[in-house]
Protein backbone atom coordinates (compact mmCIF):
# COMPACT_ATOMS: atom_id res chain seq x y z
CA MET A 1 164.14 6.26 -112.01
CA ASP A 2 161.81 8.91 -111.79
CA SER A 3 162.32 9.97 -108.13
CA LEU A 4 164.00 8.72 -104.99
CA PRO A 5 163.06 5.85 -102.54
CA LEU A 6 163.30 8.10 -99.96
CA ASP A 7 160.53 10.73 -98.71
CA MET A 8 162.27 13.69 -98.81
CA SER A 9 159.80 15.51 -96.08
CA HIS A 10 161.05 13.57 -93.58
CA PRO A 11 163.08 15.32 -90.81
CA ALA A 12 166.03 12.82 -90.43
CA VAL A 13 166.37 12.53 -94.41
CA ARG A 14 166.35 16.25 -94.23
CA GLU A 15 168.66 16.61 -91.32
CA TYR A 16 171.31 14.23 -93.07
CA LEU A 17 171.26 16.45 -96.52
CA SER A 18 172.17 19.63 -94.88
CA LEU A 19 174.93 17.59 -93.22
CA ILE A 20 176.09 16.18 -96.29
CA ARG A 21 175.72 19.96 -97.88
CA LEU A 22 177.99 21.60 -95.18
CA GLN A 23 180.53 19.24 -95.17
CA VAL A 24 181.16 20.18 -98.65
CA LEU A 25 180.31 23.92 -98.48
CA THR A 26 181.58 24.76 -95.27
CA PRO A 27 185.73 23.61 -95.98
CA LEU A 28 185.15 25.31 -99.52
CA SER A 29 184.24 28.40 -97.79
CA LEU A 30 187.11 28.32 -95.44
CA LEU A 31 189.51 27.73 -97.93
CA ILE A 32 188.61 30.34 -100.04
CA ASN A 33 188.17 32.60 -96.84
CA ILE A 34 192.00 31.55 -96.15
CA ALA A 35 193.68 32.16 -99.83
CA SER A 36 191.65 35.62 -99.79
CA VAL A 37 193.18 36.55 -97.12
CA ILE A 38 196.68 35.48 -97.36
CA VAL A 39 196.82 36.86 -100.75
CA CYS A 40 195.24 40.28 -99.88
CA GLN A 41 197.82 39.88 -97.57
CA ALA A 42 201.28 38.52 -98.90
CA VAL A 43 200.95 39.00 -102.41
CA VAL A 44 199.17 42.23 -103.40
CA ASN A 45 200.18 45.29 -102.77
CA PRO A 46 198.87 47.57 -100.80
CA SER A 47 198.11 44.44 -98.43
CA ILE A 48 195.38 44.74 -95.71
CA SER A 49 198.28 45.67 -93.04
CA LYS A 50 200.01 48.68 -95.30
CA VAL A 51 196.18 50.24 -95.71
CA SER A 52 195.30 49.89 -92.45
CA LYS A 53 198.73 51.34 -91.70
CA GLN A 54 197.80 54.21 -94.08
CA HIS A 55 194.57 54.98 -92.40
CA GLN A 56 195.03 54.86 -88.48
CA THR A 57 192.77 55.25 -85.92
CA THR A 58 192.24 55.56 -82.22
CA ILE A 59 191.85 51.63 -81.81
CA SER A 60 194.08 50.52 -85.06
CA PRO A 61 195.07 47.26 -83.20
CA HIS A 62 199.00 45.86 -84.21
CA PRO A 63 198.84 43.51 -86.92
CA SER A 64 200.93 40.99 -85.90
CA VAL A 65 199.01 40.52 -82.66
CA VAL A 66 195.80 40.70 -85.10
CA ALA A 67 197.25 37.92 -87.86
CA VAL A 68 198.31 35.56 -84.64
CA TYR A 69 194.28 35.81 -83.47
CA VAL A 70 192.86 34.91 -87.40
CA MET A 71 195.12 31.32 -87.12
CA ALA A 72 193.76 30.73 -84.24
CA ILE A 73 190.46 31.43 -85.78
CA PHE A 74 191.55 29.42 -88.96
CA ALA A 75 192.71 26.64 -86.74
CA GLY A 76 189.34 26.67 -84.82
CA GLN A 77 187.19 26.18 -88.13
CA ILE A 78 189.66 22.98 -89.10
CA GLY A 79 188.59 21.84 -85.96
CA TYR A 80 185.32 22.18 -86.83
CA CYS A 81 184.94 21.84 -89.73
CA CYS A 82 186.35 18.02 -89.29
CA LEU A 83 183.87 17.43 -86.46
CA LEU A 84 181.50 17.59 -89.74
CA VAL A 85 182.82 14.64 -90.75
CA VAL A 86 183.19 12.71 -87.78
CA ALA A 87 180.68 13.70 -85.82
CA LYS A 88 178.46 10.75 -84.16
CA LYS A 89 176.00 11.95 -81.51
CA PRO A 90 172.60 12.98 -82.53
CA GLU A 91 173.07 16.37 -80.39
CA THR A 92 176.58 17.22 -82.09
CA LYS A 93 174.95 17.08 -85.49
CA LYS A 94 171.80 18.85 -85.08
CA THR A 95 173.96 21.43 -83.10
CA LEU A 96 176.57 21.82 -86.34
CA ILE A 97 173.14 22.31 -88.51
CA LYS A 98 171.70 24.67 -86.23
CA GLY A 99 173.89 26.62 -84.82
CA PRO A 100 176.62 27.43 -87.38
CA GLY A 101 175.44 25.75 -90.33
CA PHE A 102 175.37 27.73 -93.26
CA SER A 103 175.58 30.97 -91.05
CA LEU A 104 179.46 30.14 -90.86
CA VAL A 105 179.45 29.59 -94.89
CA LEU A 106 178.19 32.96 -95.24
CA ALA A 107 180.53 34.35 -92.70
CA ASN A 108 183.75 33.10 -94.62
CA TRP A 109 182.67 34.55 -98.04
CA VAL A 110 181.85 38.09 -96.52
CA MET A 111 185.20 37.93 -94.79
CA ALA A 112 186.79 36.71 -97.98
CA ILE A 113 185.36 39.54 -100.14
CA TRP A 114 185.72 41.91 -97.08
CA ALA A 115 190.02 41.86 -97.49
CA ILE A 116 189.43 42.01 -101.42
CA THR A 117 186.82 45.35 -100.56
CA TRP A 118 189.86 46.73 -98.32
CA ILE A 119 193.00 46.50 -100.49
CA MET A 120 190.93 48.23 -102.66
CA GLN A 121 189.95 50.91 -100.34
CA TRP A 122 186.31 50.68 -101.13
CA PHE A 123 185.31 51.70 -97.15
CA LEU A 124 182.33 52.29 -97.43
CA ALA A 125 181.61 48.93 -99.10
CA ALA A 126 184.12 46.69 -96.66
CA THR A 127 181.96 48.66 -93.33
CA ILE A 128 178.65 47.33 -94.80
CA LEU A 129 180.58 43.75 -95.10
CA GLN A 130 181.58 44.13 -91.79
CA GLY A 131 178.33 44.52 -90.35
CA LEU A 132 176.49 41.90 -92.39
CA LEU A 133 179.61 39.84 -90.75
CA LEU A 134 178.49 40.95 -87.47
CA LEU A 135 175.50 40.21 -88.13
CA LEU A 136 175.92 36.45 -89.09
CA LEU A 137 178.22 35.83 -86.39
CA LEU A 138 175.40 37.58 -83.50
CA TYR A 139 172.52 35.16 -85.13
CA SER A 140 174.79 32.00 -85.04
CA ASN A 141 176.52 33.12 -81.10
CA ILE A 142 172.34 33.55 -79.93
CA VAL A 143 171.35 30.24 -80.90
CA LEU A 144 174.20 28.23 -79.96
CA LEU A 145 173.98 29.52 -76.75
CA VAL A 146 169.89 29.65 -76.03
CA TYR A 147 169.64 26.25 -77.76
CA HIS A 148 172.52 24.56 -78.21
CA PRO A 149 174.16 25.59 -74.99
CA PRO A 150 177.85 24.00 -74.00
CA THR A 151 178.24 21.45 -72.02
CA SER A 152 181.07 18.90 -70.26
CA GLU A 153 179.52 15.87 -71.58
CA ARG A 154 180.87 17.32 -75.14
CA PRO A 155 184.06 18.94 -74.61
CA PHE A 156 184.56 18.48 -78.27
CA ASP A 157 181.40 21.04 -79.18
CA THR A 158 182.75 23.45 -77.08
CA MET A 159 186.37 22.99 -78.27
CA LEU A 160 185.22 23.20 -81.77
CA ILE A 161 181.70 25.04 -82.30
CA HIS A 162 181.50 27.34 -79.55
CA ALA A 163 185.11 28.38 -79.08
CA PRO A 164 185.95 29.49 -82.29
CA MET A 165 182.18 31.29 -83.43
CA ARG A 166 183.01 33.31 -79.88
CA PHE A 167 186.34 34.40 -81.22
CA PHE A 168 184.53 35.27 -84.35
CA LEU A 169 182.50 37.40 -82.88
CA VAL A 170 184.54 39.28 -80.89
CA LEU A 171 187.09 39.86 -83.47
CA GLN A 172 184.26 41.57 -85.30
CA LEU A 173 182.48 43.09 -82.60
CA ALA A 174 185.24 44.86 -80.77
CA LEU A 175 188.07 45.61 -83.32
CA MET A 176 186.84 45.23 -87.45
CA PHE A 177 183.49 46.45 -87.31
CA PRO A 178 184.51 49.67 -85.47
CA LEU A 179 187.71 50.09 -86.82
CA SER A 180 185.76 49.79 -90.12
CA LEU A 181 183.77 52.25 -89.38
CA PHE A 182 185.80 54.50 -88.26
CA VAL A 183 188.15 54.93 -91.16
CA THR A 184 184.57 55.15 -93.69
CA LEU A 185 183.09 57.96 -91.36
CA GLY A 186 186.36 59.90 -91.64
CA LEU A 187 187.77 59.31 -88.48
CA ALA A 188 191.77 58.30 -89.05
CA GLN A 189 194.33 60.39 -88.34
CA ASN A 190 196.43 62.32 -91.70
CA PRO A 191 199.28 59.99 -92.93
CA SER A 192 201.21 63.15 -93.61
CA SER A 193 201.08 64.96 -90.26
CA PRO A 194 199.75 62.10 -87.35
CA ASP A 195 197.94 63.51 -84.60
CA TYR A 196 197.68 60.35 -82.69
CA ASN A 197 195.24 62.93 -79.83
CA VAL A 198 193.06 63.67 -82.91
CA HIS A 199 189.11 61.54 -82.20
CA GLN A 200 190.59 60.26 -78.90
CA TRP A 201 187.10 60.34 -77.07
CA ALA A 202 185.28 57.83 -80.14
CA GLY A 203 187.87 55.72 -79.57
CA PHE A 204 187.23 55.71 -75.61
CA GLY A 205 183.96 55.17 -75.75
CA VAL A 206 183.96 52.18 -78.18
CA VAL A 207 186.76 50.46 -76.59
CA LEU A 208 184.40 51.37 -73.10
CA GLY A 209 181.16 49.74 -74.80
CA THR A 210 182.53 46.85 -76.68
CA ASN A 211 184.81 45.73 -73.09
CA LEU A 212 181.63 46.70 -70.37
CA LEU A 213 179.85 44.54 -72.67
CA GLY A 214 182.53 41.56 -72.67
CA LEU A 215 183.19 42.23 -69.05
CA ILE A 216 179.66 41.25 -68.19
CA VAL A 217 179.41 38.43 -70.29
CA VAL A 218 182.04 37.15 -68.27
CA MET A 219 181.05 37.43 -64.98
CA VAL A 220 177.42 36.38 -65.94
CA ARG A 221 177.97 33.65 -67.78
CA ARG A 222 181.80 32.91 -66.59
CA ASP A 223 182.72 32.65 -70.16
CA ILE A 224 186.48 31.62 -70.53
CA VAL A 225 186.97 31.71 -74.20
CA TRP A 226 185.56 35.15 -74.16
CA CYS A 227 187.49 36.20 -71.38
CA VAL A 228 190.62 35.41 -73.72
CA ALA A 229 189.55 36.50 -77.18
CA ALA A 230 188.47 39.87 -74.91
CA VAL A 231 191.74 40.05 -73.56
CA TRP A 232 193.84 39.52 -76.88
CA THR A 233 192.17 42.29 -78.47
CA CYS A 234 192.72 44.66 -76.04
CA VAL A 235 196.63 43.63 -76.08
CA SER A 236 196.62 44.00 -80.17
CA ILE A 237 194.95 47.87 -79.41
CA TRP A 238 197.29 48.73 -76.71
CA SER A 239 200.90 47.21 -77.95
CA LEU A 240 200.50 49.21 -80.80
CA ARG A 241 201.74 52.93 -79.99
CA PRO A 242 201.54 55.72 -79.36
CA LYS A 243 197.96 56.14 -78.54
CA PRO A 244 195.41 58.85 -76.91
CA ALA A 245 195.64 58.09 -73.19
CA PRO A 246 192.19 57.63 -72.42
CA VAL A 247 192.27 54.85 -75.33
CA TYR A 248 195.51 53.09 -73.74
CA VAL A 249 194.25 53.28 -70.02
CA THR A 250 191.18 51.87 -70.50
CA VAL A 251 192.12 49.09 -73.11
CA LEU A 252 195.25 48.28 -70.41
CA VAL A 253 192.81 48.23 -67.48
CA PHE A 254 190.08 46.09 -69.31
CA THR A 255 193.24 43.75 -69.83
CA ALA A 256 193.82 42.59 -66.26
CA LEU A 257 189.56 43.20 -65.46
CA HIS A 258 188.58 40.32 -67.99
CA PRO A 259 190.60 37.19 -65.81
CA LEU A 260 190.23 39.02 -62.35
CA ALA A 261 186.40 38.89 -62.92
CA LEU A 262 186.56 35.54 -64.08
CA VAL A 263 188.67 34.46 -61.08
CA LEU A 264 186.64 36.08 -58.71
CA GLN A 265 183.06 35.24 -59.82
CA GLY A 266 184.42 31.40 -59.69
CA ARG A 267 185.53 32.09 -56.37
CA GLY A 268 182.54 33.62 -55.26
CA ILE A 269 180.47 30.64 -56.52
CA ALA A 270 182.75 28.74 -54.79
CA LEU A 271 182.58 30.18 -51.68
CA LEU A 272 178.45 30.80 -51.87
CA GLY A 273 178.96 26.27 -52.41
CA ASP A 274 180.86 25.79 -49.16
CA GLU A 275 178.51 28.73 -46.99
CA GLU A 276 175.30 26.24 -48.37
CA GLN A 277 177.30 22.92 -47.36
CA PRO A 278 176.84 23.23 -43.44
CA ARG A 279 173.69 24.18 -43.74
CA VAL A 280 172.59 21.47 -45.57
CA ASN A 281 174.71 19.01 -43.58
CA SER A 282 172.81 20.22 -40.14
CA HIS A 283 169.44 20.32 -41.83
CA ARG A 284 170.51 16.11 -42.94
CA SER A 285 171.93 15.74 -39.31
CA GLY A 286 168.88 17.00 -37.52
CA ALA A 287 166.80 15.00 -39.33
CA ASN A 288 168.75 11.85 -39.14
CA GLY A 289 169.23 12.53 -35.22
CA SER A 290 165.59 12.54 -35.24
CA GLY A 291 164.94 9.42 -36.84
CA ASN A 292 167.88 8.01 -34.97
CA GLY A 293 166.22 9.03 -31.84
CA GLY A 294 162.81 7.45 -32.69
CA ASP A 295 164.92 3.72 -33.62
CA SER A 296 166.29 4.19 -30.03
CA ASN A 297 163.23 4.53 -28.61
CA GLU A 298 162.28 1.61 -30.47
CA ILE A 299 165.10 -0.77 -29.28
CA GLN A 300 164.36 0.29 -25.69
CA ARG A 301 161.33 -0.77 -25.52
CA GLU A 302 162.26 -4.20 -27.28
CA THR A 303 165.34 -4.46 -25.01
CA ARG A 304 163.25 -3.47 -22.02
CA PRO A 305 163.07 -6.64 -19.56
CA PRO A 306 159.41 -7.95 -18.91
CA ARG A 307 158.56 -5.88 -15.79
CA GLU A 308 157.06 -8.17 -12.59
CA VAL A 309 153.24 -7.53 -12.08
CA ASP A 310 152.02 -7.33 -8.24
CA GLU A 311 149.31 -9.94 -8.01
CA GLN A 312 148.03 -7.69 -4.84
CA ALA A 313 147.96 -5.08 -7.03
CA VAL A 314 145.94 -6.14 -9.48
CA TRP A 315 143.59 -8.44 -7.49
CA GLY A 316 142.99 -6.23 -5.10
């Protein structure tokens, strides 16, 4: 057979082939990512957490809290892979292809390679990989929010596409990339004589900037996923002690500020809706009242008894 009996340039055919590729490549990349992280954490010595402990910074998180966070990302991606197979709606398929798509495949590969470079203590390469990973995730999340925003009509899209990608992005933005950058720039503590107040203002600037950005996102978009992820990263930082006072107080404050901003934003919108409702009702009642008044006049005209005519007045 010289050629396939299909028009490979047809958009529907190309979309179908892209979906088939993602159904193969995405689970494969996720499996490699999980295997790389598990081996580098549980088998190799020094492990990921030991290398992080040897190069602690003012923003170093608690390994156990981050491990649970990464497991949640992996669980979300497993659900994403299942959705790749069972998706039926054209909108969902388009979101899978055009949203995360091959960017997520590359992100999993980059994270798997990063784990190897981290335990080998090739910190410059690890930082470059973290920057590339951040760019991939930032691109995917922007495409999702701009062209394929979450909707209540497709809740599984929100749970299995948007939520894992948002969790992944917040981890890189708030923790992994700044931490790797600190170690590369020599802003880590000396293991032999640790000084927990060294480079405290650099750490303060990072946690303040990333959390302010997250707070803006939570307030503008009422993003509960970003709120949970931001609180989780804050808890991971202040749960590893000791910490410099500026860093510790900042992450502690934002741990409460993120959910508070989400609740107040939702409450404010609800109050605005309650204020607008009486105006709409009064406007409608006024319109109905004027309409009913005209109808009542018509009814009065129709039900008014015939008036007796004075013949003398008419004929003189």
